[in-house]
Amino acid sequence: MPILAHLRQVTSTMNDTTTESRAVSVVILKGGVGKSTTSMNLARQLAEHGKTLFADLDPNGHATNGLGFEAAYQGEINLGDVILEGDATPHDLIRSTEHEFDLLPSSNTLEDVEKDLAGAMQGSARIKSKIVDPLLGDEYEYIVFDCPAYP
């Protein structure tokens, strides 16, 4: 079954009585196979069921740039300011899109942030505490993470 048809089938089985908020990560260990496209299509489908945030954690920024947010990709404030330094919040970065979901954009410095995060104590827990915990449930019903590809 083609992936888009599968996404439609999965999201169509959801009904209006579904009340549990969810964070979903799309991870494929190889680049160039359509992960960002799949992530954006999933976010678009989920947006039909509730307020959705698409978080582009892939340092290549293809999704962020493809959605027309080149300036945010090269912006002064970036995900590192949210995840590592703590002097910014996700709200400083989130952008509304014309696709019925909001975007937490990638940045051109995200690769450096990933290196710092890998060496940080409980690095992956910071994403949960800085992005998922403050946003999921109260503000967004769904968060879809487009994760980087690692061989």
Protein backbone atom coordinates (compact mmCIF):
# COMPACT_ATOMS: atom_id res chain seq x y z
CA MET A 1 0.00 0.00 0.00
CA PRO A 2 1.44 3.43 -0.90
CA ILE A 3 2.46 5.43 2.20
CA LEU A 4 0.01 8.31 1.60
CA ALA A 5 -2.90 5.87 1.24
CA HIS A 6 -1.77 4.19 4.46
CA LEU A 7 -1.67 7.56 6.28
CA ARG A 8 -5.20 8.32 5.09
CA GLN A 9 -6.37 4.90 6.27
CA VAL A 10 -4.75 5.31 9.70
CA THR A 11 -6.05 8.83 10.27
CA SER A 12 -9.51 8.01 8.93
CA THR A 13 -9.89 5.33 11.61
CA MET A 14 -9.58 8.08 14.21
CA ASN A 15 -12.90 9.50 15.27
CA ASP A 16 -14.09 12.61 17.06
CA THR A 17 -14.15 10.79 20.39
CA THR A 18 -10.37 10.36 20.35
CA THR A 19 -9.17 12.72 23.07
CA GLU A 20 -5.64 11.54 23.80
CA SER A 21 -2.91 13.90 22.61
CA ARG A 22 0.00 12.28 20.81
CA ALA A 23 3.56 13.05 19.81
CA VAL A 24 4.85 11.05 16.84
CA SER A 25 8.40 10.80 15.50
CA VAL A 26 9.05 9.84 11.91
CA VAL A 27 12.45 8.16 11.74
CA ILE A 28 14.08 6.48 8.77
CA LEU A 29 17.77 5.70 8.96
CA LYS A 30 18.48 6.58 5.34
CA GLY A 31 18.29 10.00 3.77
CA GLY A 32 16.48 10.83 0.54
CA VAL A 33 13.60 8.38 0.92
CA GLY A 34 10.74 10.82 1.51
CA LYS A 35 10.77 11.09 5.30
CA SER A 36 10.08 14.85 5.34
CA THR A 37 7.28 14.46 2.81
CA THR A 38 5.79 11.59 4.82
CA SER A 39 6.04 13.65 8.03
CA MET A 40 4.33 16.66 6.45
CA ASN A 41 1.57 14.49 5.00
CA LEU A 42 1.01 12.91 8.41
CA ALA A 43 0.83 16.37 10.03
CA ARG A 44 -1.66 17.50 7.38
CA GLN A 45 -3.84 14.44 7.93
CA LEU A 46 -3.73 14.80 11.72
CA ALA A 47 -4.62 18.50 11.41
CA GLU A 48 -8.06 17.35 10.26
CA HIS A 49 -8.53 15.80 13.71
CA GLY A 50 -7.02 18.50 15.93
CA LYS A 51 -4.48 21.28 16.24
CA THR A 52 -1.13 19.96 14.99
CA LEU A 53 2.48 21.07 15.24
CA PHE A 54 5.06 19.87 12.72
CA ALA A 55 8.53 19.98 14.34
CA ASP A 56 11.37 19.86 11.81
CA LEU A 57 14.33 18.41 13.70
CA ASP A 58 16.21 17.50 10.53
CA PRO A 59 19.24 19.79 10.14
CA ASN A 60 18.97 19.77 6.34
CA GLY A 61 15.82 21.87 6.73
CA HIS A 62 14.15 20.56 3.58
CA ALA A 63 10.70 20.65 5.17
CA THR A 64 11.18 24.11 6.69
CA ASN A 65 12.52 25.53 3.43
CA GLY A 66 9.95 23.64 1.34
CA LEU A 67 7.16 25.23 3.37
CA GLY A 68 8.62 28.66 2.54
CA PHE A 69 10.32 29.50 5.83
CA GLU A 70 13.88 30.07 4.62
CA ALA A 71 14.24 33.14 6.88
CA ALA A 72 13.29 31.08 9.96
CA TYR A 73 15.82 28.40 8.92
CA GLN A 74 18.56 31.03 8.94
CA GLY A 75 17.12 33.01 11.84
CA GLU A 76 18.93 34.34 14.87
CA ILE A 77 16.78 32.37 17.29
CA ASN A 78 16.89 28.61 16.72
CA LEU A 79 16.06 25.28 18.34
CA GLY A 80 19.36 25.34 20.23
CA ASP A 81 18.13 28.42 22.08
CA VAL A 82 15.07 26.41 23.13
CA ILE A 83 16.64 23.01 23.85
CA LEU A 84 20.11 23.82 25.17
CA GLU A 85 20.35 27.35 26.43
CA GLY A 86 16.85 27.79 27.76
CA ASP A 87 16.59 31.51 26.96
CA ALA A 88 13.92 30.97 24.28
CA THR A 89 10.65 29.05 24.14
CA PRO A 90 9.12 27.12 21.24
CA HIS A 91 6.64 30.00 20.90
CA ASP A 92 9.53 32.23 19.79
CA LEU A 93 9.98 29.97 16.75
CA ILE A 94 6.55 28.51 15.86
CA ARG A 95 5.10 29.70 12.56
CA SER A 96 1.61 29.27 11.14
CA THR A 97 1.46 27.61 7.74
CA GLU A 98 -1.20 27.57 5.05
CA HIS A 99 -1.45 23.79 5.42
CA GLU A 100 -3.57 23.76 8.60
CA PHE A 101 -0.65 22.83 10.87
CA ASP A 102 1.94 24.98 12.62
CA LEU A 103 5.70 24.64 12.09
CA LEU A 104 8.55 24.51 14.58
CA PRO A 105 11.30 25.19 12.02
CA SER A 106 14.68 23.57 11.65
CA SER A 107 17.75 25.80 11.57
CA ASN A 108 21.07 25.94 9.79
CA THR A 109 22.80 25.46 13.17
CA LEU A 110 20.85 22.36 14.17
CA GLU A 111 23.70 20.00 13.35
CA ASP A 112 25.85 21.75 15.98
CA VAL A 113 22.93 21.61 18.42
CA GLU A 114 22.67 17.85 17.86
CA LYS A 115 26.35 17.41 18.71
CA ASP A 116 25.92 19.42 21.91
CA LEU A 117 22.73 17.52 22.73
CA ALA A 118 24.45 14.15 22.24
CA GLY A 119 27.00 15.13 24.88
CA ALA A 120 24.46 16.65 27.24
CA MET A 121 23.01 14.83 30.20
CA GLN A 122 19.69 13.28 29.14
CA GLY A 123 19.77 15.01 25.75
CA SER A 124 16.63 13.39 24.33
CA ALA A 125 14.73 14.16 27.53
CA ARG A 126 15.34 17.86 26.86
CA ILE A 127 13.27 17.68 23.69
CA LYS A 128 10.44 16.20 25.71
CA SER A 129 10.72 18.73 28.53
CA LYS A 130 11.26 21.79 26.30
CA ILE A 131 8.90 21.00 23.40
CA VAL A 132 6.50 18.13 24.10
CA ASP A 133 5.59 18.80 27.74
CA PRO A 134 4.77 22.51 27.38
CA LEU A 135 2.86 22.15 24.09
CA LEU A 136 1.17 18.75 23.88
CA GLY A 137 -2.30 18.58 25.32
CA ASP A 138 -2.96 22.18 26.25
CA GLU A 139 -1.96 23.81 22.98
CA TYR A 140 -1.57 21.01 20.40
CA GLU A 141 -3.37 17.72 20.12
CA TYR A 142 -0.64 16.30 17.89
CA ILE A 143 3.07 16.94 17.41
CA VAL A 144 4.83 15.28 14.47
CA PHE A 145 8.64 15.25 14.59
CA ASP A 146 10.60 14.97 11.35
CA CYS A 147 13.81 13.42 12.73
CA PRO A 148 17.23 13.41 11.09
CA ALA A 149 18.47 10.38 9.19
CA TYR A 150 21.44 8.59 10.65
CA PRO A 151 23.23 5.73 8.89
